């Protein structure tokens, strides 16, 4: 009777140990499955590392089917696969965000280059218009200078002509005055001659009256 009691007690301990071990294995499997499910349903990380997630699922399936001797190694592999899936998803998310930042940076640099090119084009156009206005102003001033020079030459020519005309008019006036003086002198001489001719004619009749 005592031996039977001892055997039953030992069997109970063995069964209890097996149940406890199975319960612990179920807890580990549930924990890893929950962790992998959370990763798969994560709105940010869920669509990354799909191959790693699939391998983690396979490792969990192997853990569920593993015999007691194989469970420690299967548990280790399953934990590593789940951790690797999450790390790979986080890495791919970081790479995606970095690539997005790179694209945004490239876009910013492209926009900056476009703005610089547009500013350079506008500056070149401004300088071209400024040069054109300067050329037109220089041509206008040159034309004004030519017109002023022509006007000065014309005024000089007109002054020379007026001077020559005044000199000619002066010569004509002098000649006219000389002619007038000569004419007046001739008229006086003629008048004196006529007066001299008339005086003897008047004196002769007086002598005739004196003879009787």
Protein backbone atom coordinates (compact mmCIF):
# COMPACT_ATOMS: atom_id res chain seq x y z
CA UNK A 1 0.00 0.00 0.00
CA UNK A 2 2.81 2.35 0.86
CA UNK A 3 4.58 1.59 -2.42
CA UNK A 4 1.41 2.28 -4.38
CA UNK A 5 0.98 5.61 -2.68
CA UNK A 6 4.56 6.57 -3.45
CA UNK A 7 4.17 5.57 -7.10
CA UNK A 8 0.98 7.55 -7.48
CA UNK A 9 2.63 10.59 -5.92
CA UNK A 10 5.58 10.35 -8.30
CA UNK A 11 3.25 9.98 -11.26
CA UNK A 12 1.35 13.04 -10.13
CA UNK A 13 4.51 15.04 -9.89
CA UNK A 14 5.54 13.94 -13.36
CA UNK A 15 2.19 14.78 -14.85
CA UNK A 16 2.16 18.11 -13.04
CA UNK A 17 5.59 18.94 -14.35
CA UNK A 18 4.54 18.06 -17.88
CA UNK A 19 1.39 20.15 -17.64
CA UNK A 20 3.37 23.09 -16.25
CA UNK A 21 5.93 22.77 -19.03
CA UNK A 22 3.21 22.58 -21.68
CA UNK A 23 1.48 25.58 -20.16
CA UNK A 24 4.75 27.55 -20.21
CA UNK A 25 5.31 26.57 -23.84
CA UNK A 26 1.80 27.67 -24.70
CA UNK A 27 2.45 31.03 -22.99
CA UNK A 28 5.67 31.55 -24.97
CA UNK A 29 3.93 30.60 -28.22
CA UNK A 30 1.04 32.94 -27.46
CA UNK A 31 3.42 35.77 -26.53
CA UNK A 32 5.44 35.42 -29.72
CA UNK A 33 2.32 35.02 -31.86
CA UNK A 34 0.81 38.16 -30.32
CA UNK A 35 4.02 40.10 -30.91
CA UNK A 36 4.15 39.01 -34.55
CA UNK A 37 0.44 39.78 -35.04
CA UNK A 38 0.96 43.26 -33.60
CA UNK A 39 3.78 43.80 -36.08
CA UNK A 40 1.68 42.53 -38.99
CA UNK A 41 -1.22 44.84 -38.09
CA UNK A 42 0.92 47.87 -37.32
CA UNK A 43 -0.25 50.69 -39.67
CA UNK A 44 3.33 51.84 -40.23
CA UNK A 45 5.50 48.73 -39.94
CA UNK A 46 3.02 46.07 -41.03
CA UNK A 47 3.74 46.22 -44.76
CA UNK A 48 7.52 46.03 -44.28
CA UNK A 49 9.76 42.95 -43.93
CA UNK A 50 7.16 40.57 -45.35
CA UNK A 51 9.74 37.83 -45.96
CA UNK A 52 11.02 38.08 -42.39
CA UNK A 53 7.47 37.96 -41.06
CA UNK A 54 6.78 34.83 -43.11
CA UNK A 55 9.89 33.13 -41.75
CA UNK A 56 8.83 34.09 -38.21
CA UNK A 57 5.42 32.46 -38.87
CA UNK A 58 7.18 29.31 -39.97
CA UNK A 59 9.33 29.35 -36.82
CA UNK A 60 6.19 29.68 -34.67
CA UNK A 61 4.60 26.76 -36.48
CA UNK A 62 7.72 24.68 -35.86
CA UNK A 63 7.60 25.70 -32.19
CA UNK A 64 4.00 24.58 -31.91
CA UNK A 65 4.84 21.19 -33.43
CA UNK A 66 8.17 20.69 -31.64
CA UNK A 67 8.67 17.83 -29.25
CA UNK A 68 9.75 18.51 -25.70
CA UNK A 69 13.43 18.00 -26.42
CA UNK A 70 13.30 20.27 -29.46
CA UNK A 71 11.24 23.05 -27.84
CA UNK A 72 14.11 25.08 -26.30
CA UNK A 73 15.88 25.37 -29.63
CA UNK A 74 12.61 25.97 -31.50
CA UNK A 75 11.67 28.65 -28.94
CA UNK A 76 15.04 30.34 -29.36
CA UNK A 77 14.68 30.34 -33.16
CA UNK A 78 11.10 31.63 -32.97
CA UNK A 79 12.07 34.48 -30.63
CA UNK A 80 14.99 35.43 -32.89
CA UNK A 81 12.77 35.29 -36.01
CA UNK A 82 10.11 37.50 -34.44
CA UNK A 83 12.73 39.98 -33.20
CA UNK A 84 14.40 39.95 -36.61
CA UNK A 85 11.09 40.59 -38.37
CA UNK A 86 10.39 43.63 -36.17
CA UNK A 87 13.96 44.95 -36.53
CA UNK A 88 13.83 44.49 -40.31
CA UNK A 89 10.47 46.29 -40.48
CA UNK A 90 11.83 49.18 -38.40
CA UNK A 91 14.94 49.34 -40.59
CA UNK A 92 12.92 49.37 -43.80
CA UNK A 93 10.64 52.06 -42.37
CA UNK A 94 13.68 54.18 -41.45
CA UNK A 95 15.12 53.63 -44.91
CA UNK A 96 11.80 54.61 -46.49
CA UNK A 97 11.61 57.77 -44.39
CA UNK A 98 15.22 58.56 -45.25
CA UNK A 99 14.52 58.02 -48.94
CA UNK A 100 11.50 60.31 -48.62
CA UNK A 101 13.65 62.94 -46.96
CA UNK A 102 16.22 62.52 -49.73
CA UNK A 103 13.52 62.98 -52.36
CA UNK A 104 12.18 66.02 -50.55
CA UNK A 105 15.72 67.38 -50.27
CA UNK A 106 16.30 66.73 -53.97
CA UNK A 107 13.00 68.44 -54.75
CA UNK A 108 13.96 71.40 -52.58
CA UNK A 109 17.36 71.59 -54.26
CA UNK A 110 15.70 71.34 -57.67
CA UNK A 111 13.26 74.12 -56.81
CA UNK A 112 16.14 76.19 -55.46
CA UNK A 113 18.12 75.59 -58.66
CA UNK A 114 15.08 76.57 -60.72
CA UNK A 115 14.61 79.73 -58.68
CA UNK A 116 18.31 80.56 -59.05
CA UNK A 117 18.11 79.97 -62.80
CA UNK A 118 14.99 82.14 -63.06
CA UNK A 119 16.64 84.88 -61.00
CA UNK A 120 19.73 84.70 -63.22
CA UNK A 121 17.54 84.88 -66.33
CA UNK A 122 15.66 87.90 -64.99
CA UNK A 123 18.94 89.59 -64.02
CA UNK A 124 20.33 88.95 -67.49
CA UNK A 125 17.17 90.36 -69.05
CA UNK A 126 17.41 93.42 -66.79
CA UNK A 127 21.04 93.99 -67.78
CA UNK A 128 20.14 93.53 -71.45
CA UNK A 129 17.37 96.12 -71.22
CA UNK A 130 19.65 98.45 -69.28
CA UNK A 131 22.34 98.09 -71.94
CA UNK A 132 19.77 98.67 -74.69
CA UNK A 133 18.51 101.81 -72.96
CA UNK A 134 22.09 103.03 -72.53
CA UNK A 135 22.77 102.42 -76.23
CA UNK A 136 19.60 104.26 -77.21
CA UNK A 137 20.49 107.15 -74.89
CA UNK A 138 24.01 107.30 -76.35
CA UNK A 139 22.59 107.32 -79.87
CA UNK A 140 20.12 110.04 -78.88
CA UNK A 141 22.88 112.17 -77.37
CA UNK A 142 25.07 111.53 -80.40
CA UNK A 143 22.22 112.57 -82.67
CA UNK A 144 21.64 115.66 -80.56
CA UNK A 145 25.36 116.43 -80.76
CA UNK A 146 25.33 116.05 -84.52
CA UNK A 147 22.26 118.24 -84.79
CA UNK A 148 23.85 120.82 -82.50
CA UNK A 149 27.05 120.74 -84.57
CA UNK A 150 25.04 121.13 -87.77
CA UNK A 151 23.09 123.99 -86.21
CA UNK A 152 26.34 125.64 -85.13
CA UNK A 153 27.81 125.24 -88.61
CA UNK A 154 24.65 126.64 -90.14
CA UNK A 155 24.64 129.57 -87.70
CA UNK A 156 28.29 130.20 -88.48
CA UNK A 157 27.59 130.11 -92.21
CA UNK A 158 24.63 132.44 -91.79
CA UNK A 159 26.76 134.80 -89.72
CA UNK A 160 29.47 134.79 -92.41
CA UNK A 161 26.83 135.41 -95.04
CA UNK A 162 25.30 138.24 -93.00
CA UNK A 163 28.76 139.72 -92.48
CA UNK A 164 29.50 139.59 -96.20
CA UNK A 165 26.07 141.01 -96.98
CA UNK A 166 26.60 143.84 -94.50
CA UNK A 167 30.01 144.56 -96.02
CA UNK A 168 28.50 144.60 -99.49
CA UNK A 169 25.68 146.83 -98.35
CA UNK A 170 28.23 149.12 -96.73
CA UNK A 171 30.20 149.29 -99.96
CA UNK A 172 27.04 149.98 -101.93
CA UNK A 173 26.04 152.68 -99.46
CA UNK A 174 29.48 154.25 -99.63
CA UNK A 175 29.40 154.16 -103.39
CA UNK A 176 25.93 155.68 -103.36
CA UNK A 177 27.09 158.41 -101.01
CA UNK A 178 30.08 159.11 -103.25
CA UNK A 179 27.86 159.18 -106.30
CA UNK A 180 25.44 161.49 -104.51
CA UNK A 181 28.29 163.75 -103.48
CA UNK A 182 29.64 163.81 -107.01
CA UNK A 183 26.18 164.46 -108.38
CA UNK A 184 25.67 167.29 -105.93
CA UNK A 185 29.07 168.70 -106.81
CA UNK A 186 28.29 168.46 -110.50
CA UNK A 187 24.94 170.12 -109.94
CA UNK A 188 26.57 172.97 -108.08
CA UNK A 189 29.14 173.37 -110.78
CA UNK A 190 26.49 173.38 -113.47
CA UNK A 191 24.44 175.89 -111.56
CA UNK A 192 27.44 178.11 -111.08
CA UNK A 193 28.21 177.88 -114.77
CA UNK A 194 24.66 178.72 -115.71
CA UNK A 195 24.66 181.65 -113.35
CA UNK A 196 27.91 182.84 -114.88
CA UNK A 197 26.55 182.60 -118.39
CA UNK A 198 23.45 184.64 -117.53
CA UNK A 199 25.36 187.55 -115.94
CA UNK A 200 27.15 188.83 -119.16
CA UNK A 201 23.93 188.54 -121.14
CA UNK A 202 22.15 190.91 -118.81
CA UNK A 203 25.02 193.38 -118.80
CA UNK A 204 25.15 193.90 -122.66
CA UNK A 205 21.72 195.61 -123.10
CA UNK A 206 22.62 198.25 -120.55
CA UNK A 207 25.61 199.38 -122.64
CA UNK A 208 23.41 199.84 -125.71
CA UNK A 209 21.16 202.31 -123.91
CA UNK A 210 24.13 204.49 -123.06
CA UNK A 211 25.14 205.38 -126.76
CA UNK A 212 22.56 208.21 -127.58
